[in-house]
Protein backbone atom coordinates (compact mmCIF):
# COMPACT_ATOMS: atom_id res chain seq x y z
CA UNK A 1 -2.11 12.12 18.36
CA UNK A 2 0.96 14.33 18.75
CA UNK A 3 -1.32 17.42 18.38
CA UNK A 4 -3.69 16.14 21.07
CA UNK A 5 -0.58 15.60 23.54
CA UNK A 6 0.69 19.23 22.43
CA UNK A 7 -2.81 20.69 23.36
CA UNK A 8 -2.99 18.75 26.52
CA UNK A 9 0.29 20.00 27.73
CA UNK A 10 -0.71 23.52 27.14
CA UNK A 11 -4.07 22.92 28.88
CA UNK A 12 -6.22 24.08 25.70
CA UNK A 13 -8.49 22.20 23.39
CA UNK A 14 -7.19 20.51 20.18
CA UNK A 15 -9.25 22.94 18.09
CA UNK A 16 -7.82 25.93 19.85
CA UNK A 17 -4.37 24.62 19.38
CA UNK A 18 -4.85 24.08 15.56
CA UNK A 19 -6.22 27.56 15.18
CA UNK A 20 -3.23 29.00 17.07
CA UNK A 21 -0.70 27.16 14.77
CA UNK A 22 -2.54 28.21 11.56
CA UNK A 23 -2.50 31.89 12.93
CA UNK A 24 1.20 31.60 13.77
CA UNK A 25 1.92 30.18 10.30
CA UNK A 26 -0.11 33.07 8.52
CA UNK A 27 1.75 35.80 10.77
CA UNK A 28 5.01 34.22 9.84
CA UNK A 29 4.20 34.06 6.19
CA UNK A 30 2.89 37.82 6.28
CA UNK A 31 6.08 38.96 7.90
CA UNK A 32 8.27 37.12 5.57
CA UNK A 33 6.39 38.73 2.57
CA UNK A 34 6.60 42.14 4.24
CA UNK A 35 10.35 41.70 4.93
CA UNK A 36 11.00 40.75 1.39
CA UNK A 37 9.13 43.60 0.06
CA UNK A 38 10.92 45.95 2.29
CA UNK A 39 14.37 44.60 1.31
CA UNK A 40 13.41 44.82 -2.33
CA UNK A 41 12.29 48.53 -2.08
CA UNK A 42 14.98 49.81 0.21
CA UNK A 43 18.02 47.66 -0.55
CA UNK A 44 19.50 49.95 -3.33
CA UNK A 45 19.15 53.04 -1.26
CA UNK A 46 20.64 51.33 1.78
CA UNK A 47 23.56 50.11 -0.23
CA UNK A 48 24.10 53.62 -1.77
CA UNK A 49 24.29 55.20 1.50
CA UNK A 50 26.10 52.63 3.65
CA UNK A 51 27.91 50.47 1.11
CA UNK A 52 27.39 46.76 -0.09
CA UNK A 53 29.15 45.69 3.05
CA UNK A 54 30.39 42.11 3.45
CA UNK A 55 29.07 39.19 1.64
CA UNK A 56 30.22 36.58 4.03
CA UNK A 57 26.93 36.58 5.74
CA UNK A 58 28.74 37.12 9.19
CA UNK A 59 28.36 40.16 11.37
CA UNK A 60 31.56 42.39 11.58
């Protein structure tokens, strides 16, 4: 029911909305996997070059 309302509010069909949601989820997962791989591969070199930095999680 909620999906039907969401699709209607965007003036698209329910099947098209479902496909868009699945596509967004897949893109998000691929991005997160790639970002994790990138961080694993380059974190040590980055830390060696620029230092480990702050661990507070806040930008300085």
